[in-house]
Amino acid sequence: MARVLLLEDHPETSRACRLLLEHDGHEVRAVARLDDALEICADAWPEVVVADLILPAAQGAGIVARLKIETDAPILAWSGYEWGCIEGAEVVSKTRPVDELLEWVRVMASTRRAVRKMDRALTALELNYGSHL
């Protein structure tokens, strides 16, 4: 379904989430460090990023801001703590049912594909019709 980058530093949580996402049909790369996630994002691999908001080297909006520099993929920020709104990400609590996480990833991936398809169509129109649009 989608290429999902999972940024989670707790091994048990990472493994469980990776297995859930893979069972749902997604291709998953799981990493524990922000620097590793940034490297994968720089390669334009992920279609969706699921990122824990508390890591040893960074927290909260700082994580999202650094990811947004490297990727245009939608970011699902998740945490066991309440964060409120974080610009550039959808924030979901880890205490929510796993079905919600899976649904968020599906919706984010399909929305991203639709936007990219529309961008390609607009580019084709511009190439064919130039300034007549």
N, C-alpha and C. Protein backbone atom coordinates (compact mmCIF):
# COMPACT_ATOMS: atom_id res chain seq x y z
N MET A 1 0.80 -1.19 0.00
CA MET A 1 0.00 0.00 0.00
C MET A 1 0.85 1.27 0.00
N ALA A 2 1.63 1.46 1.07
CA ALA A 2 2.45 2.68 1.16
C ALA A 2 3.81 2.35 1.74
N ARG A 3 4.77 3.20 1.40
CA ARG A 3 6.10 3.11 2.01
C ARG A 3 6.07 3.98 3.27
N VAL A 4 6.22 3.34 4.43
CA VAL A 4 6.09 4.04 5.70
C VAL A 4 7.43 4.03 6.43
N LEU A 5 7.87 5.21 6.82
CA LEU A 5 9.04 5.35 7.68
C LEU A 5 8.54 5.45 9.11
N LEU A 6 8.99 4.54 9.96
CA LEU A 6 8.61 4.51 11.36
C LEU A 6 9.81 4.95 12.19
N LEU A 7 9.65 6.05 12.90
CA LEU A 7 10.69 6.57 13.79
C LEU A 7 10.23 6.34 15.22
N GLU A 8 10.79 5.34 15.87
CA GLU A 8 10.39 4.96 17.23
C GLU A 8 11.61 4.38 17.94
N ASP A 9 11.93 4.94 19.11
CA ASP A 9 13.15 4.51 19.80
C ASP A 9 12.94 3.37 20.80
N HIS A 10 11.72 3.02 21.12
CA HIS A 10 11.48 1.88 22.01
C HIS A 10 11.34 0.61 21.18
N PRO A 11 12.25 -0.35 21.34
CA PRO A 11 12.27 -1.53 20.48
C PRO A 11 10.95 -2.31 20.44
N GLU A 12 10.30 -2.51 21.58
CA GLU A 12 9.06 -3.28 21.60
C GLU A 12 7.94 -2.55 20.85
N THR A 13 7.84 -1.26 21.07
CA THR A 13 6.82 -0.46 20.38
C THR A 13 7.10 -0.43 18.88
N SER A 14 8.35 -0.27 18.52
CA SER A 14 8.73 -0.23 17.12
C SER A 14 8.38 -1.55 16.43
N ARG A 15 8.74 -2.65 17.07
CA ARG A 15 8.47 -3.97 16.48
C ARG A 15 6.97 -4.19 16.31
N ALA A 16 6.18 -3.88 17.34
CA ALA A 16 4.73 -4.08 17.28
C ALA A 16 4.11 -3.21 16.18
N CYS A 17 4.51 -1.95 16.12
CA CYS A 17 3.96 -1.05 15.11
C CYS A 17 4.37 -1.48 13.70
N ARG A 18 5.63 -1.87 13.56
CA ARG A 18 6.11 -2.33 12.24
C ARG A 18 5.30 -3.54 11.78
N LEU A 19 5.09 -4.51 12.68
CA LEU A 19 4.32 -5.70 12.32
C LEU A 19 2.88 -5.36 11.95
N LEU A 20 2.25 -4.43 12.70
CA LEU A 20 0.89 -4.01 12.37
C LEU A 20 0.82 -3.36 10.99
N LEU A 21 1.75 -2.47 10.72
CA LEU A 21 1.77 -1.78 9.43
C LEU A 21 2.05 -2.75 8.29
N GLU A 22 2.98 -3.67 8.49
CA GLU A 22 3.26 -4.67 7.45
C GLU A 22 2.07 -5.58 7.22
N HIS A 23 1.41 -5.97 8.29
CA HIS A 23 0.21 -6.81 8.17
C HIS A 23 -0.89 -6.08 7.39
N ASP A 24 -0.91 -4.77 7.48
CA ASP A 24 -1.88 -3.96 6.76
C ASP A 24 -1.46 -3.73 5.30
N GLY A 25 -0.31 -4.27 4.92
CA GLY A 25 0.12 -4.18 3.52
C GLY A 25 1.16 -3.13 3.21
N HIS A 26 1.67 -2.46 4.21
CA HIS A 26 2.64 -1.39 3.98
C HIS A 26 4.07 -1.94 3.99
N GLU A 27 4.93 -1.28 3.26
CA GLU A 27 6.36 -1.54 3.31
C GLU A 27 6.92 -0.59 4.37
N VAL A 28 7.63 -1.12 5.36
CA VAL A 28 8.03 -0.31 6.51
C VAL A 28 9.54 -0.35 6.69
N ARG A 29 10.11 0.83 6.92
CA ARG A 29 11.48 0.95 7.40
C ARG A 29 11.39 1.55 8.79
N ALA A 30 11.90 0.83 9.77
CA ALA A 30 11.84 1.29 11.15
C ALA A 30 13.24 1.70 11.61
N VAL A 31 13.34 2.89 12.19
CA VAL A 31 14.60 3.39 12.72
C VAL A 31 14.35 3.97 14.11
N ALA A 32 15.41 4.02 14.91
CA ALA A 32 15.29 4.52 16.28
C ALA A 32 15.88 5.91 16.46
N ARG A 33 16.67 6.37 15.49
CA ARG A 33 17.36 7.66 15.64
C ARG A 33 16.87 8.65 14.58
N LEU A 34 16.73 9.90 14.98
CA LEU A 34 16.29 10.95 14.07
C LEU A 34 17.24 11.09 12.89
N ASP A 35 18.54 11.02 13.12
CA ASP A 35 19.51 11.14 12.02
C ASP A 35 19.29 10.07 10.95
N ASP A 36 18.97 8.84 11.38
CA ASP A 36 18.69 7.77 10.41
C ASP A 36 17.42 8.06 9.63
N ALA A 37 16.42 8.59 10.30
CA ALA A 37 15.17 8.95 9.63
C ALA A 37 15.41 10.06 8.60
N LEU A 38 16.21 11.05 8.96
CA LEU A 38 16.50 12.15 8.05
C LEU A 38 17.23 11.66 6.80
N GLU A 39 18.11 10.69 6.98
CA GLU A 39 18.83 10.12 5.84
C GLU A 39 17.87 9.41 4.88
N ILE A 40 16.93 8.65 5.42
CA ILE A 40 15.95 7.96 4.58
C ILE A 40 15.04 8.98 3.89
N CYS A 41 14.65 10.02 4.60
CA CYS A 41 13.81 11.07 4.00
C CYS A 41 14.53 11.78 2.87
N ALA A 42 15.83 11.99 3.02
CA ALA A 42 16.61 12.67 1.98
C ALA A 42 16.62 11.88 0.68
N ASP A 43 16.43 10.57 0.77
CA ASP A 43 16.36 9.73 -0.42
C ASP A 43 14.97 9.70 -1.04
N ALA A 44 14.04 10.49 -0.49
CA ALA A 44 12.66 10.59 -0.99
C ALA A 44 11.94 9.25 -0.96
N TRP A 45 12.29 8.39 -0.01
CA TRP A 45 11.67 7.07 0.05
C TRP A 45 10.28 7.06 0.66
N PRO A 46 10.05 7.70 1.81
CA PRO A 46 8.76 7.47 2.46
C PRO A 46 7.59 8.19 1.79
N GLU A 47 6.45 7.53 1.82
CA GLU A 47 5.20 8.17 1.41
C GLU A 47 4.48 8.73 2.63
N VAL A 48 4.74 8.13 3.80
CA VAL A 48 4.19 8.58 5.07
C VAL A 48 5.26 8.36 6.14
N VAL A 49 5.34 9.30 7.07
CA VAL A 49 6.26 9.17 8.20
C VAL A 49 5.43 9.07 9.48
N VAL A 50 5.70 8.04 10.28
CA VAL A 50 5.10 7.91 11.61
C VAL A 50 6.24 8.14 12.59
N ALA A 51 6.16 9.21 13.37
CA ALA A 51 7.28 9.60 14.22
C ALA A 51 6.88 9.75 15.68
N ASP A 52 7.61 9.08 16.55
CA ASP A 52 7.47 9.27 17.98
C ASP A 52 7.92 10.71 18.28
N LEU A 53 7.29 11.33 19.26
CA LEU A 53 7.61 12.72 19.57
C LEU A 53 8.60 12.90 20.72
N ILE A 54 9.04 11.81 21.30
CA ILE A 54 10.06 11.90 22.34
C ILE A 54 11.18 10.94 22.00
N LEU A 55 12.31 11.51 21.62
CA LEU A 55 13.50 10.74 21.29
C LEU A 55 14.65 11.24 22.15
N PRO A 56 15.70 10.47 22.30
CA PRO A 56 16.83 10.93 23.11
C PRO A 56 17.44 12.25 22.63
N ALA A 57 17.48 12.48 21.32
CA ALA A 57 18.17 13.65 20.77
C ALA A 57 17.25 14.82 20.45
N ALA A 58 15.93 14.62 20.48
CA ALA A 58 15.00 15.69 20.10
C ALA A 58 13.61 15.38 20.62
N GLN A 59 12.76 16.43 20.65
CA GLN A 59 11.39 16.24 21.11
C GLN A 59 10.43 17.13 20.34
N GLY A 60 9.19 16.66 20.28
CA GLY A 60 8.07 17.46 19.80
C GLY A 60 8.23 18.10 18.45
N ALA A 61 7.94 19.40 18.43
CA ALA A 61 7.95 20.16 17.18
C ALA A 61 9.33 20.17 16.53
N GLY A 62 10.37 20.02 17.31
CA GLY A 62 11.72 19.97 16.74
C GLY A 62 11.91 18.77 15.84
N ILE A 63 11.34 17.64 16.20
CA ILE A 63 11.42 16.44 15.36
C ILE A 63 10.69 16.68 14.05
N VAL A 64 9.46 17.18 14.14
CA VAL A 64 8.66 17.43 12.94
C VAL A 64 9.34 18.45 12.04
N ALA A 65 9.86 19.53 12.60
CA ALA A 65 10.52 20.56 11.80
C ALA A 65 11.71 20.00 11.04
N ARG A 66 12.51 19.18 11.69
CA ARG A 66 13.67 18.60 11.01
C ARG A 66 13.26 17.63 9.92
N LEU A 67 12.22 16.83 10.16
CA LEU A 67 11.72 15.92 9.13
C LEU A 67 11.19 16.69 7.93
N LYS A 68 10.45 17.78 8.18
CA LYS A 68 9.86 18.56 7.09
C LYS A 68 10.91 19.18 6.17
N ILE A 69 12.10 19.41 6.68
CA ILE A 69 13.19 19.93 5.84
C ILE A 69 13.58 18.89 4.80
N GLU A 70 13.50 17.63 5.15
CA GLU A 70 13.98 16.55 4.28
C GLU A 70 12.90 15.86 3.45
N THR A 71 11.62 16.03 3.81
CA THR A 71 10.59 15.28 3.09
C THR A 71 9.32 16.10 2.94
N ASP A 72 8.59 15.82 1.87
CA ASP A 72 7.25 16.40 1.72
C ASP A 72 6.19 15.37 2.08
N ALA A 73 6.62 14.21 2.57
CA ALA A 73 5.67 13.17 3.00
C ALA A 73 4.90 13.66 4.22
N PRO A 74 3.62 13.29 4.31
CA PRO A 74 2.85 13.66 5.50
C PRO A 74 3.43 12.98 6.73
N ILE A 75 3.33 13.66 7.86
CA ILE A 75 3.89 13.16 9.10
C ILE A 75 2.78 12.92 10.11
N LEU A 76 2.75 11.70 10.62
CA LEU A 76 1.86 11.35 11.71
C LEU A 76 2.71 11.29 12.97
N ALA A 77 2.56 12.29 13.82
CA ALA A 77 3.33 12.37 15.05
C ALA A 77 2.55 11.65 16.14
N TRP A 78 3.21 10.71 16.81
CA TRP A 78 2.48 9.98 17.85
C TRP A 78 3.29 9.90 19.11
N SER A 79 2.56 9.91 20.21
CA SER A 79 3.21 9.93 21.50
C SER A 79 2.27 9.42 22.57
N GLY A 80 2.82 8.97 23.66
CA GLY A 80 2.02 8.58 24.81
C GLY A 80 1.60 9.78 25.64
N TYR A 81 2.09 10.96 25.28
CA TYR A 81 1.79 12.19 26.01
C TYR A 81 0.94 13.11 25.14
N GLU A 82 0.21 14.01 25.77
CA GLU A 82 -0.60 14.98 25.04
C GLU A 82 0.28 16.13 24.56
N TRP A 83 0.24 16.44 23.27
CA TRP A 83 1.04 17.51 22.70
C TRP A 83 0.20 18.66 22.16
N GLY A 84 -1.05 18.43 21.94
CA GLY A 84 -1.84 19.46 21.27
C GLY A 84 -1.48 19.48 19.80
N CYS A 85 -1.51 20.64 19.18
CA CYS A 85 -1.20 20.77 17.75
C CYS A 85 0.29 20.99 17.55
N ILE A 86 0.81 20.40 16.48
CA ILE A 86 2.19 20.64 16.06
C ILE A 86 2.13 20.94 14.57
N GLU A 87 2.61 22.11 14.20
CA GLU A 87 2.57 22.52 12.80
C GLU A 87 3.33 21.52 11.93
N GLY A 88 2.68 21.11 10.84
CA GLY A 88 3.32 20.22 9.89
C GLY A 88 3.06 18.75 10.14
N ALA A 89 2.22 18.44 11.14
CA ALA A 89 1.96 17.03 11.44
C ALA A 89 0.56 16.84 12.00
N GLU A 90 0.05 15.66 11.83
CA GLU A 90 -1.15 15.23 12.53
C GLU A 90 -0.69 14.54 13.80
N VAL A 91 -1.22 14.90 14.93
CA VAL A 91 -0.79 14.34 16.21
C VAL A 91 -1.83 13.34 16.69
N VAL A 92 -1.36 12.12 16.99
CA VAL A 92 -2.23 11.05 17.47
C VAL A 92 -1.60 10.43 18.70
N SER A 93 -2.42 10.15 19.68
CA SER A 93 -1.94 9.54 20.92
C SER A 93 -1.72 8.04 20.72
N LYS A 94 -0.65 7.52 21.30
CA LYS A 94 -0.38 6.09 21.26
C LYS A 94 -1.42 5.30 22.03
N THR A 95 -2.21 5.97 22.85
CA THR A 95 -3.23 5.28 23.63
C THR A 95 -4.50 5.01 22.82
N ARG A 96 -4.60 5.56 21.62
CA ARG A 96 -5.75 5.34 20.75
C ARG A 96 -5.69 3.92 20.18
N PRO A 97 -6.82 3.37 19.75
CA PRO A 97 -6.82 2.03 19.15
C PRO A 97 -5.93 1.98 17.91
N VAL A 98 -5.29 0.83 17.71
CA VAL A 98 -4.36 0.69 16.58
C VAL A 98 -5.06 0.86 15.24
N ASP A 99 -6.35 0.56 15.18
CA ASP A 99 -7.10 0.76 13.93
C ASP A 99 -7.03 2.21 13.48
N GLU A 100 -7.01 3.14 14.43
CA GLU A 100 -6.92 4.55 14.08
C GLU A 100 -5.57 4.89 13.45
N LEU A 101 -4.50 4.33 14.00
CA LEU A 101 -3.18 4.54 13.41
C LEU A 101 -3.17 4.04 11.98
N LEU A 102 -3.67 2.83 11.77
CA LEU A 102 -3.68 2.25 10.42
C LEU A 102 -4.53 3.09 9.47
N GLU A 103 -5.68 3.56 9.94
CA GLU A 103 -6.54 4.38 9.09
C GLU A 103 -5.86 5.71 8.74
N TRP A 104 -5.20 6.34 9.70
CA TRP A 104 -4.47 7.58 9.43
C TRP A 104 -3.42 7.34 8.34
N VAL A 105 -2.67 6.26 8.45
CA VAL A 105 -1.62 5.98 7.46
C VAL A 105 -2.25 5.76 6.09
N ARG A 106 -3.34 5.00 6.02
CA ARG A 106 -4.01 4.77 4.73
C ARG A 106 -4.48 6.09 4.10
N VAL A 107 -5.13 6.92 4.91
CA VAL A 107 -5.67 8.20 4.40
C VAL A 107 -4.53 9.12 3.95
N MET A 108 -3.48 9.21 4.76
CA MET A 108 -2.35 10.08 4.41
C MET A 108 -1.69 9.62 3.11
N ALA A 109 -1.52 8.32 2.95
CA ALA A 109 -0.89 7.79 1.74
C ALA A 109 -1.76 8.04 0.52
N SER A 110 -3.06 7.78 0.62
CA SER A 110 -3.92 7.98 -0.55
C SER A 110 -4.06 9.46 -0.90
N THR A 111 -4.09 10.31 0.10
CA THR A 111 -4.16 11.75 -0.16
C THR A 111 -2.88 12.22 -0.85
N ARG A 112 -1.74 11.74 -0.39
CA ARG A 112 -0.47 12.13 -1.01
C ARG A 112 -0.42 11.68 -2.47
N ARG A 113 -0.87 10.44 -2.73
CA ARG A 113 -0.89 9.95 -4.12
C ARG A 113 -1.80 10.81 -4.98
N ALA A 114 -2.98 11.19 -4.46
CA ALA A 114 -3.91 12.02 -5.23
C ALA A 114 -3.32 13.39 -5.53
N VAL A 115 -2.66 13.97 -4.56
CA VAL A 115 -2.04 15.29 -4.78
C VAL A 115 -0.94 15.18 -5.82
N ARG A 116 -0.12 14.15 -5.74
CA ARG A 116 0.95 13.99 -6.73
C ARG A 116 0.38 13.76 -8.13
N LYS A 117 -0.69 13.00 -8.23
CA LYS A 117 -1.33 12.76 -9.53
C LYS A 117 -1.86 14.07 -10.11
N MET A 118 -2.47 14.88 -9.25
CA MET A 118 -2.98 16.17 -9.69
C MET A 118 -1.84 17.10 -10.12
N ASP A 119 -0.74 17.09 -9.39
CA ASP A 119 0.43 17.89 -9.76
C ASP A 119 0.96 17.49 -11.14
N ARG A 120 1.02 16.18 -11.39
CA ARG A 120 1.49 15.71 -12.71
C ARG A 120 0.54 16.15 -13.81
N ALA A 121 -0.77 16.09 -13.54
CA ALA A 121 -1.75 16.52 -14.55
C ALA A 121 -1.62 18.01 -14.83
N LEU A 122 -1.44 18.81 -13.80
CA LEU A 122 -1.27 20.24 -14.00
C LEU A 122 0.01 20.56 -14.76
N THR A 123 1.06 19.83 -14.46
CA THR A 123 2.33 20.02 -15.19
C THR A 123 2.14 19.69 -16.66
N ALA A 124 1.43 18.59 -16.94
CA ALA A 124 1.18 18.21 -18.34
C ALA A 124 0.35 19.28 -19.04
N LEU A 125 -0.64 19.83 -18.37
CA LEU A 125 -1.45 20.89 -18.98
C LEU A 125 -0.59 22.12 -19.27
N GLU A 126 0.27 22.48 -18.33
CA GLU A 126 1.13 23.63 -18.54
C GLU A 126 2.09 23.40 -19.71
N LEU A 127 2.59 22.19 -19.84
CA LEU A 127 3.50 21.89 -20.96
C LEU A 127 2.75 21.93 -22.28
N ASN A 128 1.51 21.45 -22.30
CA ASN A 128 0.75 21.41 -23.55
C ASN A 128 0.15 22.76 -23.94
N TYR A 129 -0.22 23.56 -22.95
CA TYR A 129 -0.94 24.78 -23.26
C TYR A 129 -0.21 26.05 -22.84
N GLY A 130 0.88 25.90 -22.13
CA GLY A 130 1.71 27.03 -21.75
C GLY A 130 0.94 28.13 -21.06
N SER A 131 1.13 29.34 -21.55
CA SER A 131 0.54 30.51 -20.90
C SER A 131 -0.94 30.70 -21.25
N HIS A 132 -1.52 29.81 -22.03
CA HIS A 132 -2.94 29.94 -22.39
C HIS A 132 -3.86 29.50 -21.27
N LEU A 133 -3.29 29.00 -20.18
CA LEU A 133 -4.15 28.56 -19.06
C LEU A 133 -4.57 29.72 -18.22
